[in-house]
Amino acid sequence: MKKLFFLPLLALLVMAAKVPSTYKVDTNASVVAWTGYKVTGQHTGTVKIKNGTLTTDGGMLTGGSFEIDMNSIACTDLEGEYAGKLVGHLKSDDFFGVNTYPTATFVITKAIPQDTKGNYKILGNLTLKGTTKEAKFLAKFSEASGMVNASGKIIVDRSDFNVKYGSGSFFDGLGDKTIYDEFDLQVSLVAKK
């Protein structure tokens, strides 16, 4: 008789532990930092996350997405007039055309655990300037006390998204004016139930 009582109880506990959970990204606690590279150096800055979610099942990351407010592009390595000029140029049609494309998105299509320490290989679709391309990167994930943290570095090839300005892939003879095609997005997400 005791066995008959405990079997349904055990089944309920197992099912409760496997219920998928969705967490809402805390846009104030989350950050996307960017680094762009050129022959003569680099520039750094941030963009704000507009919204997003992360999904877990049994403590494992299973999916999610986030939207970036491209109008929030900021420069952190320059000040004053120089920062303003750089940000204005990045927002222009030469780069990200934020008047036409005010947001960028990333949607996780697969989260593959690499070990039991919260390391994942993330596959997903990045949409930037109206073009969607697959992106792959390594990420760190943790879940505790009704909160999740996820972070990783996405290396983006801007030429895949028709961002041509100063690119050696599209123009010859740029010399030290060349801006490298790849830039980094260091994403740190904090999400809560």
C-alpha atoms as a PDB file:
ATOM      1  CA  MET A   1       0.000   0.000   0.000  1.00  0.00           C
ATOM      2  CA  LYS A   2       2.849   2.376   0.830  1.00  0.00           C
ATOM      3  CA  LYS A   3       4.347   1.761  -2.616  1.00  0.00           C
ATOM      4  CA  LEU A   4       1.091   2.718  -4.309  1.00  0.00           C
ATOM      5  CA  PHE A   5       1.027   5.999  -2.391  1.00  0.00           C
ATOM      6  CA  PHE A   6       4.645   6.923  -3.084  1.00  0.00           C
ATOM      7  CA  LEU A   7       4.663   6.131  -6.818  1.00  0.00           C
ATOM      8  CA  PRO A   8       2.152   8.881  -7.768  1.00  0.00           C
ATOM      9  CA  LEU A   9       3.890  11.269  -5.378  1.00  0.00           C
ATOM     10  CA  LEU A  10       7.255  10.513  -6.990  1.00  0.00           C
ATOM     11  CA  ALA A  11       5.746  10.971 -10.463  1.00  0.00           C
ATOM     12  CA  LEU A  12       4.358  14.381  -9.452  1.00  0.00           C
ATOM     13  CA  LEU A  13       7.729  15.487  -8.091  1.00  0.00           C
ATOM     14  CA  VAL A  14       9.524  14.427 -11.284  1.00  0.00           C
ATOM     15  CA  MET A  15       6.986  16.239 -13.464  1.00  0.00           C
ATOM     16  CA  ALA A  16       7.185  19.382 -11.321  1.00  0.00           C
ATOM     17  CA  ALA A  17      10.972  19.441 -11.632  1.00  0.00           C
ATOM     18  CA  LYS A  18      10.746  19.302 -15.433  1.00  0.00           C
ATOM     19  CA  VAL A  19       8.262  22.142 -15.969  1.00  0.00           C
ATOM     20  CA  PRO A  20       9.682  24.671 -18.431  1.00  0.00           C
ATOM     21  CA  SER A  21      10.174  28.153 -17.010  1.00  0.00           C
ATOM     22  CA  THR A  22      10.314  31.477 -18.824  1.00  0.00           C
ATOM     23  CA  TYR A  23      12.306  34.363 -17.390  1.00  0.00           C
ATOM     24  CA  LYS A  24      11.943  37.995 -18.465  1.00  0.00           C
ATOM     25  CA  VAL A  25      15.203  39.824 -19.204  1.00  0.00           C
ATOM     26  CA  ASP A  26      15.851  42.678 -16.773  1.00  0.00           C
ATOM     27  CA  THR A  27      16.808  45.421 -19.234  1.00  0.00           C
ATOM     28  CA  ASN A  28      18.369  47.593 -16.517  1.00  0.00           C
ATOM     29  CA  ALA A  29      20.637  44.834 -15.188  1.00  0.00           C
ATOM     30  CA  SER A  30      21.573  43.403 -18.610  1.00  0.00           C
ATOM     31  CA  VAL A  31      24.156  44.864 -20.965  1.00  0.00           C
ATOM     32  CA  VAL A  32      25.530  44.436 -24.475  1.00  0.00           C
ATOM     33  CA  ALA A  33      29.033  45.841 -24.922  1.00  0.00           C
ATOM     34  CA  TRP A  34      30.526  46.140 -28.398  1.00  0.00           C
ATOM     35  CA  THR A  35      34.084  46.397 -29.694  1.00  0.00           C
ATOM     36  CA  GLY A  36      34.850  47.391 -33.283  1.00  0.00           C
ATOM     37  CA  TYR A  37      38.325  47.026 -34.749  1.00  0.00           C
ATOM     38  CA  LYS A  38      40.251  49.027 -37.321  1.00  0.00           C
ATOM     39  CA  VAL A  39      43.838  48.965 -38.581  1.00  0.00           C
ATOM     40  CA  THR A  40      44.836  51.795 -36.239  1.00  0.00           C
ATOM     41  CA  GLY A  41      43.006  50.600 -33.098  1.00  0.00           C
ATOM     42  CA  GLN A  42      39.515  49.945 -31.816  1.00  0.00           C
ATOM     43  CA  HIS A  43      36.399  51.587 -30.425  1.00  0.00           C
ATOM     44  CA  THR A  44      34.137  50.342 -27.640  1.00  0.00           C
ATOM     45  CA  GLY A  45      30.627  51.062 -26.522  1.00  0.00           C
ATOM     46  CA  THR A  46      27.268  49.710 -25.483  1.00  0.00           C
ATOM     47  CA  VAL A  47      23.751  49.180 -26.780  1.00  0.00           C
ATOM     48  CA  LYS A  48      20.675  48.677 -24.611  1.00  0.00           C
ATOM     49  CA  ILE A  49      18.467  45.636 -24.548  1.00  0.00           C
ATOM     50  CA  LYS A  50      14.851  46.527 -25.280  1.00  0.00           C
ATOM     51  CA  ASN A  51      13.307  43.223 -24.142  1.00  0.00           C
ATOM     52  CA  GLY A  52      13.908  39.503 -24.023  1.00  0.00           C
ATOM     53  CA  THR A  53      13.234  36.133 -22.433  1.00  0.00           C
ATOM     54  CA  LEU A  54      15.202  33.043 -21.476  1.00  0.00           C
ATOM     55  CA  THR A  55      13.601  29.605 -21.204  1.00  0.00           C
ATOM     56  CA  THR A  56      14.766  26.744 -19.011  1.00  0.00           C
ATOM     57  CA  ASP A  57      13.662  23.172 -18.459  1.00  0.00           C
ATOM     58  CA  GLY A  58      14.893  21.227 -15.453  1.00  0.00           C
ATOM     59  CA  GLY A  59      17.557  23.833 -14.759  1.00  0.00           C
ATOM     60  CA  MET A  60      18.911  23.680 -18.317  1.00  0.00           C
ATOM     61  CA  LEU A  61      18.854  26.566 -20.800  1.00  0.00           C
ATOM     62  CA  THR A  62      16.566  25.602 -23.689  1.00  0.00           C
ATOM     63  CA  GLY A  63      15.828  28.826 -25.550  1.00  0.00           C
ATOM     64  CA  GLY A  64      15.320  32.530 -25.526  1.00  0.00           C
ATOM     65  CA  SER A  65      15.611  35.748 -27.439  1.00  0.00           C
ATOM     66  CA  PHE A  66      16.446  39.396 -26.967  1.00  0.00           C
ATOM     67  CA  GLU A  67      15.920  42.625 -28.873  1.00  0.00           C
ATOM     68  CA  ILE A  68      18.507  45.413 -29.026  1.00  0.00           C
ATOM     69  CA  ASP A  69      17.560  49.090 -29.273  1.00  0.00           C
ATOM     70  CA  MET A  70      19.910  50.267 -32.037  1.00  0.00           C
ATOM     71  CA  ASN A  71      19.077  53.914 -31.275  1.00  0.00           C
ATOM     72  CA  SER A  72      20.838  53.430 -27.929  1.00  0.00           C
ATOM     73  CA  ILE A  73      24.304  52.972 -29.480  1.00  0.00           C
ATOM     74  CA  ALA A  74      26.824  54.664 -27.198  1.00  0.00           C
ATOM     75  CA  CYS A  75      30.604  55.045 -27.334  1.00  0.00           C
ATOM     76  CA  THR A  76      32.651  54.435 -24.175  1.00  0.00           C
ATOM     77  CA  ASP A  77      36.215  55.081 -25.358  1.00  0.00           C
ATOM     78  CA  LEU A  78      35.700  58.632 -26.653  1.00  0.00           C
ATOM     79  CA  GLU A  79      34.130  61.722 -25.104  1.00  0.00           C
ATOM     80  CA  GLY A  80      32.378  64.857 -26.274  1.00  0.00           C
ATOM     81  CA  GLU A  81      32.375  65.811 -29.924  1.00  0.00           C
ATOM     82  CA  TYR A  82      34.402  62.765 -31.050  1.00  0.00           C
ATOM     83  CA  ALA A  83      32.032  60.328 -29.343  1.00  0.00           C
ATOM     84  CA  GLY A  84      29.059  62.146 -30.876  1.00  0.00           C
ATOM     85  CA  LYS A  85      30.544  61.959 -34.370  1.00  0.00           C
ATOM     86  CA  LEU A  86      31.289  58.245 -34.048  1.00  0.00           C
ATOM     87  CA  VAL A  87      27.824  57.429 -32.683  1.00  0.00           C
ATOM     88  CA  GLY A  88      26.179  59.528 -35.404  1.00  0.00           C
ATOM     89  CA  HIS A  89      28.163  57.699 -38.074  1.00  0.00           C
ATOM     90  CA  LEU A  90      27.347  54.265 -36.594  1.00  0.00           C
ATOM     91  CA  LYS A  91      23.638  55.171 -36.592  1.00  0.00           C
ATOM     92  CA  SER A  92      23.789  56.392 -40.215  1.00  0.00           C
ATOM     93  CA  ASP A  93      23.092  54.328 -43.323  1.00  0.00           C
ATOM     94  CA  ASP A  94      26.873  53.839 -43.736  1.00  0.00           C
ATOM     95  CA  PHE A  95      26.643  51.404 -40.822  1.00  0.00           C
ATOM     96  CA  PHE A  96      23.434  50.331 -39.069  1.00  0.00           C
ATOM     97  CA  GLY A  97      20.784  52.670 -40.542  1.00  0.00           C
ATOM     98  CA  VAL A  98      18.871  52.935 -37.275  1.00  0.00           C
ATOM     99  CA  ASN A  99      16.128  55.144 -38.742  1.00  0.00           C
ATOM    100  CA  THR A 100      15.153  52.237 -40.999  1.00  0.00           C
ATOM    101  CA  TYR A 101      16.293  49.394 -38.719  1.00  0.00           C
ATOM    102  CA  PRO A 102      15.717  50.561 -35.119  1.00  0.00           C
ATOM    103  CA  THR A 103      16.170  47.106 -33.574  1.00  0.00           C
ATOM    104  CA  ALA A 104      18.353  44.031 -33.887  1.00  0.00           C
ATOM    105  CA  THR A 105      17.322  40.623 -32.554  1.00  0.00           C
ATOM    106  CA  PHE A 106      18.876  37.352 -31.497  1.00  0.00           C
ATOM    107  CA  VAL A 107      16.804  34.163 -31.201  1.00  0.00           C
ATOM    108  CA  ILE A 108      18.280  30.980 -29.727  1.00  0.00           C
ATOM    109  CA  THR A 109      17.534  27.984 -31.956  1.00  0.00           C
ATOM    110  CA  LYS A 110      19.557  25.479 -29.935  1.00  0.00           C
ATOM    111  CA  ALA A 111      21.342  25.504 -26.568  1.00  0.00           C
ATOM    112  CA  ILE A 112      23.794  22.599 -26.315  1.00  0.00           C
ATOM    113  CA  PRO A 113      25.221  21.854 -22.847  1.00  0.00           C
ATOM    114  CA  GLN A 114      29.004  21.395 -22.987  1.00  0.00           C
ATOM    115  CA  ASP A 115      29.425  20.154 -19.400  1.00  0.00           C
ATOM    116  CA  THR A 116      27.699  20.212 -16.014  1.00  0.00           C
ATOM    117  CA  LYS A 117      29.188  23.608 -15.079  1.00  0.00           C
ATOM    118  CA  GLY A 118      26.815  25.813 -17.079  1.00  0.00           C
ATOM    119  CA  ASN A 119      28.834  26.055 -20.296  1.00  0.00           C
ATOM    120  CA  TYR A 120      26.790  25.969 -23.501  1.00  0.00           C
ATOM    121  CA  LYS A 121      27.251  26.179 -27.237  1.00  0.00           C
ATOM    122  CA  ILE A 122      24.528  28.515 -28.493  1.00  0.00           C
ATOM    123  CA  LEU A 123      23.146  28.417 -32.019  1.00  0.00           C
ATOM    124  CA  GLY A 124      20.776  31.130 -33.084  1.00  0.00           C
ATOM    125  CA  ASN A 125      19.616  33.669 -35.610  1.00  0.00           C
ATOM    126  CA  LEU A 126      20.935  37.219 -35.478  1.00  0.00           C
ATOM    127  CA  THR A 127      18.906  39.815 -37.372  1.00  0.00           C
ATOM    128  CA  LEU A 128      20.751  43.045 -38.048  1.00  0.00           C
ATOM    129  CA  LYS A 129      19.889  45.711 -40.605  1.00  0.00           C
ATOM    130  CA  GLY A 130      17.054  43.572 -41.976  1.00  0.00           C
ATOM    131  CA  THR A 131      19.226  40.515 -42.649  1.00  0.00           C
ATOM    132  CA  THR A 132      19.161  37.294 -40.628  1.00  0.00           C
ATOM    133  CA  LYS A 133      22.226  35.047 -40.304  1.00  0.00           C
ATOM    134  CA  GLU A 134      23.090  32.127 -38.066  1.00  0.00           C
ATOM    135  CA  ALA A 135      25.427  32.874 -35.170  1.00  0.00           C
ATOM    136  CA  LYS A 136      27.290  30.365 -32.981  1.00  0.00           C
ATOM    137  CA  PHE A 137      29.082  31.122 -29.737  1.00  0.00           C
ATOM    138  CA  LEU A 138      29.981  29.771 -26.316  1.00  0.00           C
ATOM    139  CA  ALA A 139      28.011  30.979 -23.312  1.00  0.00           C
ATOM    140  CA  LYS A 140      27.905  30.616 -19.547  1.00  0.00           C
ATOM    141  CA  PHE A 141      24.537  30.033 -17.862  1.00  0.00           C
ATOM    142  CA  SER A 142      23.340  29.769 -14.262  1.00  0.00           C
ATOM    143  CA  GLU A 143      19.929  29.560 -12.575  1.00  0.00           C
ATOM    144  CA  ALA A 144      19.260  30.203  -8.883  1.00  0.00           C
ATOM    145  CA  SER A 145      16.609  31.762  -6.640  1.00  0.00           C
ATOM    146  CA  GLY A 146      14.192  32.695  -9.419  1.00  0.00           C
ATOM    147  CA  MET A 147      16.887  34.383 -11.494  1.00  0.00           C
ATOM    148  CA  VAL A 148      19.049  33.344 -14.454  1.00  0.00           C
ATOM    149  CA  ASN A 149      22.309  34.765 -15.765  1.00  0.00           C
ATOM    150  CA  ALA A 150      23.625  34.131 -19.255  1.00  0.00           C
ATOM    151  CA  SER A 151      26.686  35.628 -20.902  1.00  0.00           C
ATOM    152  CA  GLY A 152      28.731  35.106 -24.025  1.00  0.00           C
ATOM    153  CA  LYS A 153      30.622  36.807 -26.818  1.00  0.00           C
ATOM    154  CA  ILE A 154      29.097  36.878 -30.293  1.00  0.00           C
ATOM    155  CA  ILE A 155      31.586  37.612 -33.081  1.00  0.00           C
ATOM    156  CA  VAL A 156      29.681  39.328 -35.880  1.00  0.00           C
ATOM    157  CA  ASP A 157      30.909  39.706 -39.462  1.00  0.00           C
ATOM    158  CA  ARG A 158      29.285  42.970 -40.532  1.00  0.00           C
ATOM    159  CA  SER A 159      29.806  42.177 -44.227  1.00  0.00           C
ATOM    160  CA  ASP A 160      27.175  39.416 -43.807  1.00  0.00           C
ATOM    161  CA  PHE A 161      24.684  42.174 -42.954  1.00  0.00           C
ATOM    162  CA  ASN A 162      25.539  44.523 -45.838  1.00  0.00           C
ATOM    163  CA  VAL A 163      27.476  46.952 -43.630  1.00  0.00           C
ATOM    164  CA  LYS A 164      30.137  47.957 -46.158  1.00  0.00           C
ATOM    165  CA  TYR A 165      31.647  51.253 -44.997  1.00  0.00           C
ATOM    166  CA  GLY A 166      35.460  51.050 -44.778  1.00  0.00           C
ATOM    167  CA  SER A 167      35.438  47.288 -45.374  1.00  0.00           C
ATOM    168  CA  GLY A 168      38.373  45.688 -47.147  1.00  0.00           C
ATOM    169  CA  SER A 169      35.933  43.011 -48.331  1.00  0.00           C
ATOM    170  CA  PHE A 170      34.192  45.567 -50.555  1.00  0.00           C
ATOM    171  CA  PHE A 171      36.785  48.288 -51.259  1.00  0.00           C
ATOM    172  CA  ASP A 172      40.442  48.294 -52.326  1.00  0.00           C
ATOM    173  CA  GLY A 173      43.148  50.763 -51.332  1.00  0.00           C
ATOM    174  CA  LEU A 174      41.759  51.717 -47.914  1.00  0.00           C
ATOM    175  CA  GLY A 175      45.136  51.341 -46.213  1.00  0.00           C
ATOM    176  CA  ASP A 176      45.043  52.457 -42.579  1.00  0.00           C
ATOM    177  CA  LYS A 177      41.417  53.602 -43.044  1.00  0.00           C
ATOM    178  CA  THR A 178      40.272  49.956 -43.152  1.00  0.00           C
ATOM    179  CA  ILE A 179      37.697  48.948 -40.562  1.00  0.00           C
ATOM    180  CA  TYR A 180      37.722  45.211 -39.933  1.00  0.00           C
ATOM    181  CA  ASP A 181      34.571  43.295 -40.773  1.00  0.00           C
ATOM    182  CA  GLU A 182      34.348  41.463 -37.458  1.00  0.00           C
ATOM    183  CA  PHE A 183      33.146  43.142 -34.291  1.00  0.00           C
ATOM    184  CA  ASP A 184      32.311  41.660 -30.889  1.00  0.00           C
ATOM    185  CA  LEU A 185      29.114  41.776 -28.869  1.00  0.00           C
ATOM    186  CA  GLN A 186      29.708  40.823 -25.238  1.00  0.00           C
ATOM    187  CA  VAL A 187      26.216  39.950 -23.999  1.00  0.00           C
ATOM    188  CA  SER A 188      25.381  39.689 -20.279  1.00  0.00           C
ATOM    189  CA  LEU A 189      21.736  38.899 -19.551  1.00  0.00           C
ATOM    190  CA  VAL A 190      20.016  38.881 -16.172  1.00  0.00           C
ATOM    191  CA  ALA A 191      16.460  37.541 -16.212  1.00  0.00           C
ATOM    192  CA  LYS A 192      13.811  37.020 -13.546  1.00  0.00           C
ATOM    193  CA  LYS A 193      10.536  35.076 -13.285  1.00  0.00           C
END
